[in-house]
């Protein structure tokens, strides 16, 4: 099973972890590989990135609801560990309501 790893998520809770890997196959399909917690493993295959997005998001939501927290997100396409990308100042912008000047 040859595949190009694109994104890796690591969720942790106490002494447990779950690693989710999204990988593209040479045929253009996408595999979602789930390792953990413990020795459990699962593989799901999708025709493309778009059809993989909703199931991946659902799995992430289930993990968070079960008390897991995202510890690391590595995007291999850019080569960056996104966990460390926002160290320091918070880059998120606050939401402001802007009054319409036509009122």
N, C-alpha and C. Protein backbone atom coordinates (compact mmCIF):
# COMPACT_ATOMS: atom_id res chain seq x y z
N UNK A 1 0.85 -1.19 0.00
CA UNK A 1 0.00 0.00 0.00
C UNK A 1 0.89 1.24 0.00
N UNK A 2 1.14 1.81 -1.15
CA UNK A 2 1.95 3.00 -1.30
C UNK A 2 1.03 4.21 -1.30
N UNK A 3 1.38 5.21 -0.48
CA UNK A 3 0.59 6.42 -0.42
C UNK A 3 1.47 7.59 0.02
N UNK A 4 1.13 8.78 -0.40
CA UNK A 4 1.85 9.98 -0.04
C UNK A 4 1.14 10.64 1.13
N UNK A 5 1.80 10.70 2.28
CA UNK A 5 1.21 11.30 3.47
C UNK A 5 1.11 12.80 3.27
N UNK A 6 -0.08 13.35 3.52
CA UNK A 6 -0.29 14.78 3.36
C UNK A 6 -0.47 15.49 4.70
N UNK A 7 -1.29 14.92 5.57
CA UNK A 7 -1.59 15.58 6.83
C UNK A 7 -1.67 14.54 7.94
N UNK A 8 -1.14 14.91 9.12
CA UNK A 8 -1.18 14.02 10.28
C UNK A 8 -1.73 14.82 11.46
N UNK A 9 -2.75 14.26 12.12
CA UNK A 9 -3.30 14.84 13.33
C UNK A 9 -2.97 13.91 14.49
N UNK A 10 -2.55 14.46 15.62
CA UNK A 10 -2.33 13.67 16.82
C UNK A 10 -3.23 14.21 17.92
N UNK A 11 -4.14 13.36 18.38
CA UNK A 11 -5.03 13.70 19.48
C UNK A 11 -4.57 12.95 20.72
N UNK A 12 -4.59 13.60 21.88
CA UNK A 12 -4.17 12.96 23.12
C UNK A 12 -5.21 13.17 24.22
N UNK A 13 -5.23 12.18 25.13
CA UNK A 13 -6.08 12.25 26.32
C UNK A 13 -5.39 11.40 27.38
N UNK A 14 -4.98 12.04 28.47
CA UNK A 14 -4.24 11.34 29.53
C UNK A 14 -3.09 10.56 28.89
N UNK A 15 -3.02 9.25 29.06
CA UNK A 15 -1.95 8.44 28.49
C UNK A 15 -2.29 7.83 27.16
N UNK A 16 -3.40 8.23 26.53
CA UNK A 16 -3.84 7.65 25.26
C UNK A 16 -3.59 8.62 24.10
N UNK A 17 -3.46 8.06 22.92
CA UNK A 17 -3.32 8.92 21.75
C UNK A 17 -4.02 8.28 20.55
N UNK A 18 -4.42 9.13 19.63
CA UNK A 18 -5.00 8.70 18.36
C UNK A 18 -4.32 9.51 17.27
N UNK A 19 -3.77 8.82 16.29
CA UNK A 19 -3.12 9.48 15.16
C UNK A 19 -3.99 9.25 13.93
N UNK A 20 -4.31 10.34 13.24
CA UNK A 20 -5.08 10.27 11.99
C UNK A 20 -4.17 10.75 10.87
N UNK A 21 -4.08 9.94 9.83
CA UNK A 21 -3.21 10.27 8.70
C UNK A 21 -4.07 10.32 7.43
N UNK A 22 -3.94 11.41 6.69
CA UNK A 22 -4.61 11.51 5.39
C UNK A 22 -3.52 11.36 4.33
N UNK A 23 -3.68 10.39 3.45
CA UNK A 23 -2.65 10.09 2.45
C UNK A 23 -3.29 9.90 1.08
N UNK A 24 -2.62 10.43 0.06
CA UNK A 24 -3.08 10.27 -1.32
C UNK A 24 -2.42 9.04 -1.93
N UNK A 25 -3.18 8.29 -2.70
CA UNK A 25 -2.63 7.12 -3.39
C UNK A 25 -2.17 7.53 -4.78
N UNK A 26 -1.33 6.74 -5.42
CA UNK A 26 -0.89 7.06 -6.79
C UNK A 26 -2.05 7.14 -7.78
N UNK A 27 -3.16 6.44 -7.47
CA UNK A 27 -4.33 6.47 -8.35
C UNK A 27 -5.19 7.70 -8.15
N UNK A 28 -4.83 8.57 -7.19
CA UNK A 28 -5.60 9.78 -6.95
C UNK A 28 -6.65 9.65 -5.86
N UNK A 29 -6.76 8.49 -5.24
CA UNK A 29 -7.72 8.30 -4.16
C UNK A 29 -7.10 8.82 -2.86
N UNK A 30 -7.88 8.88 -1.81
CA UNK A 30 -7.41 9.37 -0.51
C UNK A 30 -7.72 8.34 0.56
N UNK A 31 -6.72 8.04 1.38
CA UNK A 31 -6.91 7.12 2.50
C UNK A 31 -6.86 7.90 3.80
N UNK A 32 -7.74 7.52 4.70
CA UNK A 32 -7.75 8.06 6.05
C UNK A 32 -7.39 6.89 6.97
N UNK A 33 -6.23 6.97 7.60
CA UNK A 33 -5.74 5.90 8.46
C UNK A 33 -5.85 6.38 9.90
N UNK A 34 -6.42 5.55 10.77
CA UNK A 34 -6.62 5.92 12.16
C UNK A 34 -5.95 4.87 13.04
N UNK A 35 -5.01 5.33 13.87
CA UNK A 35 -4.27 4.46 14.77
C UNK A 35 -4.55 4.88 16.20
N UNK A 36 -5.19 4.00 16.96
CA UNK A 36 -5.48 4.27 18.37
C UNK A 36 -6.95 4.52 18.56
N UNK A 37 -7.35 4.64 19.81
CA UNK A 37 -6.49 4.48 20.99
C UNK A 37 -6.07 3.02 21.16
N UNK A 38 -5.00 2.84 21.90
CA UNK A 38 -4.50 1.48 22.10
C UNK A 38 -4.03 0.87 20.80
N UNK A 39 -4.37 -0.38 20.60
CA UNK A 39 -3.94 -1.11 19.40
C UNK A 39 -4.94 -1.06 18.25
N UNK A 40 -6.01 -0.30 18.39
CA UNK A 40 -7.02 -0.27 17.34
C UNK A 40 -6.51 0.47 16.11
N UNK A 41 -6.94 -0.01 14.95
CA UNK A 41 -6.58 0.59 13.66
C UNK A 41 -7.78 0.55 12.74
N UNK A 42 -7.89 1.56 11.89
CA UNK A 42 -8.95 1.58 10.88
C UNK A 42 -8.42 2.29 9.64
N UNK A 43 -8.87 1.86 8.48
CA UNK A 43 -8.52 2.50 7.21
C UNK A 43 -9.80 2.74 6.43
N UNK A 44 -9.94 3.96 5.93
CA UNK A 44 -11.09 4.33 5.10
C UNK A 44 -10.53 4.89 3.80
N UNK A 45 -11.15 4.54 2.67
CA UNK A 45 -10.67 5.04 1.38
C UNK A 45 -11.78 5.83 0.70
N UNK A 46 -11.39 6.94 0.07
CA UNK A 46 -12.34 7.84 -0.57
C UNK A 46 -11.86 8.16 -1.98
N UNK A 47 -12.78 8.53 -2.87
CA UNK A 47 -12.38 8.82 -4.25
C UNK A 47 -11.55 10.10 -4.38
N UNK A 48 -11.71 11.06 -3.41
CA UNK A 48 -10.99 12.33 -3.52
C UNK A 48 -10.97 13.03 -2.16
N UNK A 49 -10.26 14.17 -2.10
CA UNK A 49 -10.13 14.95 -0.86
C UNK A 49 -11.48 15.46 -0.35
N UNK A 50 -12.33 15.88 -1.25
CA UNK A 50 -13.61 16.45 -0.84
C UNK A 50 -14.48 15.42 -0.13
N UNK A 51 -14.55 14.21 -0.66
CA UNK A 51 -15.38 13.19 -0.02
C UNK A 51 -14.76 12.68 1.27
N UNK A 52 -13.50 12.95 1.50
CA UNK A 52 -12.81 12.55 2.73
C UNK A 52 -13.05 13.56 3.86
N UNK A 53 -13.32 14.80 3.51
CA UNK A 53 -13.37 15.89 4.49
C UNK A 53 -14.44 15.70 5.56
N UNK A 54 -15.67 15.39 5.18
CA UNK A 54 -16.75 15.27 6.16
C UNK A 54 -16.52 14.10 7.14
N UNK A 55 -16.18 12.90 6.66
CA UNK A 55 -15.91 11.81 7.60
C UNK A 55 -14.73 12.11 8.53
N UNK A 56 -13.68 12.75 8.01
CA UNK A 56 -12.54 13.11 8.85
C UNK A 56 -12.95 14.09 9.94
N UNK A 57 -13.76 15.06 9.57
CA UNK A 57 -14.24 16.05 10.53
C UNK A 57 -15.13 15.39 11.60
N UNK A 58 -15.94 14.44 11.19
CA UNK A 58 -16.81 13.73 12.12
C UNK A 58 -15.98 12.93 13.13
N UNK A 59 -14.93 12.28 12.66
CA UNK A 59 -14.05 11.52 13.56
C UNK A 59 -13.36 12.46 14.55
N UNK A 60 -12.89 13.60 14.08
CA UNK A 60 -12.26 14.58 14.95
C UNK A 60 -13.25 15.05 16.02
N UNK A 61 -14.48 15.31 15.62
CA UNK A 61 -15.51 15.74 16.57
C UNK A 61 -15.79 14.68 17.63
N UNK A 62 -15.83 13.42 17.22
CA UNK A 62 -16.04 12.33 18.17
C UNK A 62 -14.89 12.24 19.16
N UNK A 63 -13.67 12.44 18.69
CA UNK A 63 -12.52 12.40 19.59
C UNK A 63 -12.57 13.53 20.61
N UNK A 64 -12.89 14.73 20.16
CA UNK A 64 -12.98 15.88 21.06
C UNK A 64 -14.10 15.66 22.08
N UNK A 65 -15.24 15.14 21.63
CA UNK A 65 -16.36 14.86 22.54
C UNK A 65 -15.98 13.80 23.58
N UNK A 66 -15.05 12.91 23.22
CA UNK A 66 -14.60 11.86 24.14
C UNK A 66 -13.46 12.34 25.05
N UNK A 67 -13.11 13.61 24.95
CA UNK A 67 -12.09 14.17 25.84
C UNK A 67 -10.70 14.26 25.26
N UNK A 68 -10.52 13.92 23.99
CA UNK A 68 -9.22 14.04 23.36
C UNK A 68 -9.01 15.50 22.93
N UNK A 69 -7.76 15.92 22.91
CA UNK A 69 -7.42 17.27 22.45
C UNK A 69 -6.38 17.16 21.34
N UNK A 70 -6.47 18.05 20.37
CA UNK A 70 -5.49 18.07 19.29
C UNK A 70 -4.16 18.54 19.85
N UNK A 71 -3.14 17.70 19.74
CA UNK A 71 -1.82 18.03 20.26
C UNK A 71 -0.89 18.49 19.15
N UNK A 72 -1.07 17.93 17.96
CA UNK A 72 -0.15 18.26 16.87
C UNK A 72 -0.87 18.10 15.54
N UNK A 73 -0.61 19.03 14.63
CA UNK A 73 -1.11 18.96 13.26
C UNK A 73 0.07 19.23 12.34
N UNK A 74 0.43 18.25 11.53
CA UNK A 74 1.53 18.41 10.60
C UNK A 74 0.99 18.34 9.19
N UNK A 75 1.22 19.40 8.44
CA UNK A 75 0.79 19.47 7.04
C UNK A 75 2.03 19.21 6.19
N UNK A 76 2.13 18.00 5.67
CA UNK A 76 3.33 17.61 4.92
C UNK A 76 3.42 18.31 3.56
N UNK A 77 2.31 18.81 3.08
CA UNK A 77 2.36 19.50 1.78
C UNK A 77 3.22 20.75 1.89
N UNK A 78 3.11 21.46 3.03
CA UNK A 78 3.92 22.67 3.21
C UNK A 78 5.21 22.36 3.94
N UNK A 79 5.28 21.18 4.59
CA UNK A 79 6.46 20.82 5.35
C UNK A 79 6.51 21.46 6.72
N UNK A 80 5.42 22.09 7.14
CA UNK A 80 5.40 22.81 8.42
C UNK A 80 4.61 22.05 9.46
N UNK A 81 5.09 22.11 10.69
CA UNK A 81 4.34 21.62 11.83
C UNK A 81 3.48 22.79 12.28
N UNK A 82 2.19 22.71 12.03
CA UNK A 82 1.31 23.86 12.26
C UNK A 82 1.08 24.12 13.74
N UNK A 83 1.43 23.16 14.60
CA UNK A 83 1.31 23.38 16.03
C UNK A 83 2.19 24.53 16.45
N UNK A 84 3.39 24.62 15.90
CA UNK A 84 4.34 25.64 16.31
C UNK A 84 4.23 26.92 15.48
N UNK A 85 3.35 26.94 14.50
CA UNK A 85 3.24 28.10 13.61
C UNK A 85 2.74 29.34 14.32
N UNK A 86 1.94 29.19 15.37
CA UNK A 86 1.35 30.36 16.02
C UNK A 86 1.95 30.61 17.40
N UNK A 87 3.12 30.06 17.68
CA UNK A 87 3.77 30.33 18.97
C UNK A 87 4.03 31.83 19.07
N UNK A 88 3.87 32.36 20.25
CA UNK A 88 4.07 33.80 20.44
C UNK A 88 2.73 34.50 20.39
N UNK A 89 2.69 35.61 19.67
CA UNK A 89 1.46 36.41 19.62
C UNK A 89 0.33 35.64 18.96
N UNK A 90 -0.87 35.88 19.45
CA UNK A 90 -2.06 35.24 18.89
C UNK A 90 -2.38 35.93 17.58
N UNK A 91 -2.37 35.15 16.48
CA UNK A 91 -2.58 35.73 15.16
C UNK A 91 -4.05 35.84 14.79
N UNK A 92 -4.93 35.26 15.61
CA UNK A 92 -6.35 35.34 15.29
C UNK A 92 -6.83 36.77 15.47
N UNK A 93 -7.75 37.16 14.64
CA UNK A 93 -8.30 38.51 14.72
C UNK A 93 -9.65 38.45 15.39
N UNK A 94 -9.91 39.43 16.21
CA UNK A 94 -11.20 39.50 16.88
C UNK A 94 -12.31 39.85 15.89
N UNK A 95 -13.52 39.42 16.19
CA UNK A 95 -14.66 39.69 15.34
C UNK A 95 -15.26 41.02 15.74
N UNK A 96 -15.45 41.93 14.78
CA UNK A 96 -16.06 43.22 15.07
C UNK A 96 -17.27 43.41 14.17
N UNK A 97 -18.29 43.96 14.73
CA UNK A 97 -19.45 44.36 13.91
C UNK A 97 -19.15 45.73 13.34
N UNK A 98 -19.36 45.87 12.06
CA UNK A 98 -19.13 47.16 11.40
C UNK A 98 -20.49 47.70 11.02
N UNK A 99 -20.79 48.90 11.51
CA UNK A 99 -22.09 49.50 11.22
C UNK A 99 -22.12 49.97 9.78
N UNK A 100 -23.21 49.65 9.11
CA UNK A 100 -23.41 50.06 7.72
C UNK A 100 -23.63 51.56 7.70
N UNK A 101 -22.81 52.30 6.96
CA UNK A 101 -22.90 53.77 6.92
C UNK A 101 -24.14 54.27 6.20
N UNK A 102 -24.88 53.40 5.55
CA UNK A 102 -26.07 53.84 4.81
C UNK A 102 -27.29 53.94 5.72
N UNK A 103 -27.15 53.56 7.01
CA UNK A 103 -28.32 53.61 7.93
C UNK A 103 -28.52 54.98 8.48
